[in-house]
Amino acid sequence: MTESIEMCARKYARKDTQVYAVSPDMGVDSIECYVDEYLSVPGVLKEIVKGDREENADAYIISCFGDPGLQAAREITDKPVLGIAESAIAAAKMIAPYFSIVSVLDRSRKVTEDVVFNYGATQFCRSIRSTGLSVLEFGENPKKGLEALERESIQAVREDGAECILLGCAGFVDFVERLKSRLGVPVLDGVMPAVKFAEALVDMGLKTSKVNTWKYPEAKEYVGYTGL
């Protein structure tokens, strides 16, 4: 999945943009519920600290549709940090009056609802549909995954009034073009818009505000954590 995300990012990035796709050395295999999301955050933060201290990164993209740790990540760096859900929703609002999100398990719906609400996009979201498949199942059987995505996306367009489809998992990047050709409406994964927004923010010389809310955390000991 990380390799697919990297290939997608490189496809849309400019030639002078270097893309590094990394996976934390701590966390979970996939993120489908609140426990998964919260356990993933320390690893995300550790990679961003490493990017600042060792790799001189210009911007960061959190490639999970729940945008895990996004607010915390913005506290520990002054570089732009983007989530793929926030980026996809922002792009969708510019190209369609309404969108639907097609995601993974039924239990993941509330996680996605929270994301939409937190970004002030509830009035633009016509529906959140689940395929009933886990993230890992998509990797094991891409054909079955594509069929499920197509089925739910068609229903979102025909029954819910969606005029754009957002794919609610970074692992769906390989399905975008095929779904576009079959649905007749814009289809967005979050990686592509996040890459372009990141480039734009860096080009404009914009950094994360450190005035108050996202200023660096107060100095204290983090028991049991390393690299923060």
Protein backbone atom coordinates (compact mmCIF):
# COMPACT_ATOMS: atom_id res chain seq x y z
CA MET A 1 0.00 0.00 0.00
CA THR A 2 2.83 2.41 0.84
CA GLU A 3 4.38 1.71 -2.54
CA SER A 4 1.07 2.46 -4.30
CA ILE A 5 0.74 5.71 -2.39
CA GLU A 6 4.29 6.69 -3.34
CA MET A 7 3.67 5.91 -7.02
CA CYS A 8 0.50 8.03 -6.98
CA ALA A 9 2.29 10.92 -5.29
CA ARG A 10 5.17 10.80 -7.76
CA LYS A 11 2.72 10.69 -10.68
CA TYR A 12 1.17 14.03 -9.73
CA ALA A 13 4.17 15.76 -8.16
CA ARG A 14 6.29 18.16 -10.18
CA LYS A 15 9.61 16.92 -11.50
CA ASP A 16 11.50 19.04 -8.98
CA THR A 17 9.49 17.67 -6.04
CA GLN A 18 11.07 14.78 -4.15
CA VAL A 19 8.57 12.35 -2.65
CA TYR A 20 9.43 10.05 0.25
CA ALA A 21 6.80 7.54 1.39
CA VAL A 22 7.56 6.12 4.82
CA SER A 23 5.81 3.82 7.27
CA PRO A 24 6.34 4.22 11.02
CA ASP A 25 8.13 1.40 12.83
CA MET A 26 5.31 1.32 15.38
CA GLY A 27 1.53 1.17 15.01
CA VAL A 28 -1.03 -1.14 13.41
CA ASP A 29 -1.36 -2.99 10.08
CA SER A 30 -4.37 -0.92 9.02
CA ILE A 31 -6.63 1.79 10.44
CA GLU A 32 -10.34 1.06 10.60
CA CYS A 33 -11.50 2.11 14.07
CA TYR A 34 -10.68 4.53 16.87
CA VAL A 35 -8.23 2.19 18.60
CA ASP A 36 -6.32 1.75 15.33
CA GLU A 37 -6.30 5.50 14.77
CA TYR A 38 -5.08 6.46 18.22
CA LEU A 39 -2.37 3.78 18.28
CA SER A 40 -1.07 5.04 14.94
CA VAL A 41 -0.48 8.61 16.10
CA PRO A 42 2.82 8.22 18.04
CA GLY A 43 4.43 6.62 14.98
CA VAL A 44 3.16 9.43 12.74
CA LEU A 45 4.59 12.06 15.08
CA LYS A 46 7.90 10.23 15.31
CA GLU A 47 8.28 10.24 11.51
CA ILE A 48 7.56 13.98 11.33
CA VAL A 49 10.15 14.75 14.01
CA LYS A 50 12.61 12.61 12.05
CA GLY A 51 11.72 14.47 8.87
CA ASP A 52 12.50 17.79 10.53
CA ARG A 53 15.68 16.73 12.32
CA GLU A 54 17.28 14.40 9.79
CA GLU A 55 15.71 14.77 6.36
CA ASN A 56 14.98 18.50 5.99
CA ALA A 57 11.50 17.84 4.63
CA ASP A 58 9.52 20.83 3.34
CA ALA A 59 6.03 19.45 4.01
CA TYR A 60 4.26 16.35 5.29
CA ILE A 61 1.21 14.36 4.17
CA ILE A 62 -0.58 11.95 6.48
CA SER A 63 -1.88 9.27 4.13
CA CYS A 64 -4.86 7.86 5.97
CA PHE A 65 -8.40 9.12 5.41
CA GLY A 66 -8.94 9.62 9.13
CA ASP A 67 -6.04 12.13 9.13
CA PRO A 68 -4.71 10.56 12.37
CA GLY A 69 -2.63 12.90 14.49
CA LEU A 70 -3.03 15.85 12.12
CA GLN A 71 -3.57 18.50 14.78
CA ALA A 72 -0.76 17.13 16.95
CA ALA A 73 1.53 16.96 13.93
CA ARG A 74 0.97 20.65 13.31
CA GLU A 75 2.18 21.36 16.82
CA ILE A 76 5.55 19.65 16.44
CA THR A 77 6.67 21.26 13.16
CA ASP A 78 6.34 24.62 11.47
CA LYS A 79 6.27 22.94 8.06
CA PRO A 80 2.88 22.46 6.34
CA VAL A 81 1.16 19.22 7.37
CA LEU A 82 -1.73 17.97 5.27
CA GLY A 83 -4.19 15.16 5.75
CA ILE A 84 -5.55 13.36 2.71
CA ALA A 85 -9.15 13.61 3.95
CA GLU A 86 -8.90 17.35 4.52
CA SER A 87 -7.29 17.76 1.10
CA ALA A 88 -9.85 15.60 -0.71
CA ILE A 89 -12.78 17.40 0.89
CA ALA A 90 -11.31 20.82 0.07
CA ALA A 91 -10.77 19.81 -3.56
CA ALA A 92 -14.21 18.24 -3.87
CA LYS A 93 -15.91 21.42 -2.67
CA MET A 94 -14.20 23.31 -5.49
CA ILE A 95 -15.41 21.01 -8.27
CA ALA A 96 -18.81 19.71 -7.14
CA PRO A 97 -21.68 20.97 -4.97
CA TYR A 98 -22.12 17.57 -3.31
CA PHE A 99 -19.93 14.54 -2.75
CA SER A 100 -20.17 11.07 -1.22
CA ILE A 101 -17.43 9.08 0.46
CA VAL A 102 -16.97 5.37 -0.14
CA SER A 103 -14.88 3.64 2.49
CA VAL A 104 -14.12 0.31 4.13
CA LEU A 105 -15.92 -1.47 6.98
CA ASP A 106 -19.37 -0.52 8.26
CA ARG A 107 -17.87 0.24 11.67
CA SER A 108 -15.59 2.87 10.09
CA ARG A 109 -18.57 5.06 9.18
CA LYS A 110 -18.57 7.03 12.44
CA VAL A 111 -14.85 7.74 12.11
CA THR A 112 -15.51 9.20 8.65
CA GLU A 113 -18.55 11.14 9.86
CA ASP A 114 -16.37 12.78 12.49
CA VAL A 115 -13.84 13.77 9.84
CA VAL A 116 -16.50 15.36 7.64
CA PHE A 117 -18.05 17.21 10.59
CA ASN A 118 -14.70 18.49 11.87
CA TYR A 119 -13.94 19.98 8.46
CA GLY A 120 -17.29 21.74 8.29
CA ALA A 121 -18.40 19.75 5.26
CA THR A 122 -21.48 17.95 6.55
CA GLN A 123 -23.83 19.99 4.34
CA PHE A 124 -21.85 19.02 1.24
CA CYS A 125 -21.63 15.31 1.99
CA ARG A 126 -24.59 13.40 0.57
CA SER A 127 -23.62 10.03 2.00
CA ILE A 128 -20.91 7.86 3.50
CA ARG A 129 -21.05 4.36 2.09
CA SER A 130 -19.07 1.32 3.18
CA THR A 131 -17.94 -1.59 1.05
CA GLY A 132 -17.96 -4.02 3.97
CA LEU A 133 -14.34 -4.94 3.21
CA SER A 134 -11.32 -4.29 5.40
CA VAL A 135 -8.25 -2.41 4.21
CA LEU A 136 -6.24 -5.63 4.13
CA GLU A 137 -8.95 -7.42 2.13
CA PHE A 138 -8.58 -4.79 -0.60
CA GLY A 139 -4.90 -5.63 -0.78
CA GLU A 140 -5.57 -9.36 -0.89
CA ASN A 141 -8.32 -9.20 -3.52
CA PRO A 142 -8.18 -5.97 -5.57
CA LYS A 143 -10.76 -7.22 -8.07
CA LYS A 144 -13.33 -7.80 -5.34
CA GLY A 145 -12.43 -4.42 -3.86
CA LEU A 146 -12.91 -2.59 -7.14
CA GLU A 147 -16.28 -4.24 -7.66
CA ALA A 148 -17.41 -3.17 -4.18
CA LEU A 149 -16.22 0.39 -4.70
CA GLU A 150 -17.96 0.59 -8.06
CA ARG A 151 -21.21 -0.79 -6.65
CA GLU A 152 -21.37 1.66 -3.75
CA SER A 153 -20.21 4.60 -5.85
CA ILE A 154 -22.92 4.00 -8.45
CA GLN A 155 -25.54 3.92 -5.70
CA ALA A 156 -24.13 7.12 -4.19
CA VAL A 157 -24.53 8.89 -7.55
CA ARG A 158 -27.91 7.44 -8.50
CA GLU A 159 -29.61 7.30 -5.11
CA ASP A 160 -27.87 9.89 -2.92
CA GLY A 161 -27.28 12.69 -5.41
CA ALA A 162 -23.49 12.66 -5.21
CA GLU A 163 -21.76 14.62 -7.96
CA CYS A 164 -18.26 13.61 -6.90
CA ILE A 165 -16.92 10.49 -5.19
CA LEU A 166 -14.19 10.54 -2.55
CA LEU A 167 -12.36 7.30 -1.89
CA GLY A 168 -12.07 6.97 1.87
CA CYS A 169 -8.80 5.08 2.12
CA ALA A 170 -5.28 5.82 0.89
CA GLY A 171 -5.10 2.23 -0.29
CA PHE A 172 -7.67 3.00 -2.99
CA VAL A 173 -5.32 5.10 -5.14
CA ASP A 174 -5.00 2.32 -7.73
CA PHE A 175 -8.75 2.37 -8.41
CA VAL A 176 -9.26 6.05 -9.26
CA GLU A 177 -8.86 5.99 -13.02
CA ARG A 178 -10.98 2.88 -13.52
CA LEU A 179 -13.79 4.30 -11.40
CA LYS A 180 -13.69 7.64 -13.24
CA SER A 181 -14.24 5.91 -16.55
CA ARG A 182 -17.16 3.90 -15.21
CA LEU A 183 -18.97 6.50 -13.11
CA GLY A 184 -18.96 9.64 -15.24
CA VAL A 185 -18.33 11.90 -12.21
CA PRO A 186 -15.10 13.17 -10.65
CA VAL A 187 -13.39 10.61 -8.41
CA LEU A 188 -10.81 11.76 -5.90
CA ASP A 189 -8.38 9.93 -3.70
CA GLY A 190 -6.79 12.19 -1.11
CA VAL A 191 -3.15 11.68 -2.05
CA MET A 192 -3.19 13.61 -5.33
CA PRO A 193 -4.77 16.84 -3.99
CA ALA A 194 -2.62 16.66 -0.85
CA VAL A 195 0.54 16.56 -2.97
CA LYS A 196 -0.53 19.55 -5.06
CA PHE A 197 -1.69 21.55 -2.01
CA ALA A 198 1.62 20.79 -0.28
CA GLU A 199 3.57 22.07 -3.27
CA ALA A 200 1.44 25.22 -3.37
CA LEU A 201 1.93 25.98 0.32
CA VAL A 202 5.70 25.51 0.02
CA ASP A 203 5.80 27.66 -3.13
CA MET A 204 3.95 30.43 -1.29
CA GLY A 205 6.37 30.24 1.61
CA LEU A 206 3.58 29.45 4.05
CA LYS A 207 4.31 27.70 7.32
CA THR A 208 2.20 26.49 10.22
CA SER A 209 1.20 29.26 12.61
CA LYS A 210 2.96 29.06 15.97
CA VAL A 211 1.15 31.97 17.62
CA ASN A 212 -0.96 29.95 20.04
CA THR A 213 -2.97 26.81 19.25
CA TRP A 214 -0.34 25.02 17.17
CA LYS A 215 2.73 26.36 18.96
CA TYR A 216 5.33 23.81 19.99
CA PRO A 217 4.33 21.66 22.99
CA GLU A 218 5.52 22.69 26.44
CA ALA A 219 8.75 20.97 27.46
CA LYS A 220 8.04 17.88 29.55
CA GLU A 221 9.01 14.25 29.87
CA TYR A 222 7.12 11.76 27.70
CA VAL A 223 7.37 8.49 29.61
CA GLY A 224 7.70 5.42 27.38
CA TYR A 225 8.01 7.40 24.14
CA THR A 226 11.17 7.93 22.15
CA GLY A 227 11.86 10.20 19.24
CA LEU A 228 9.43 12.98 20.23
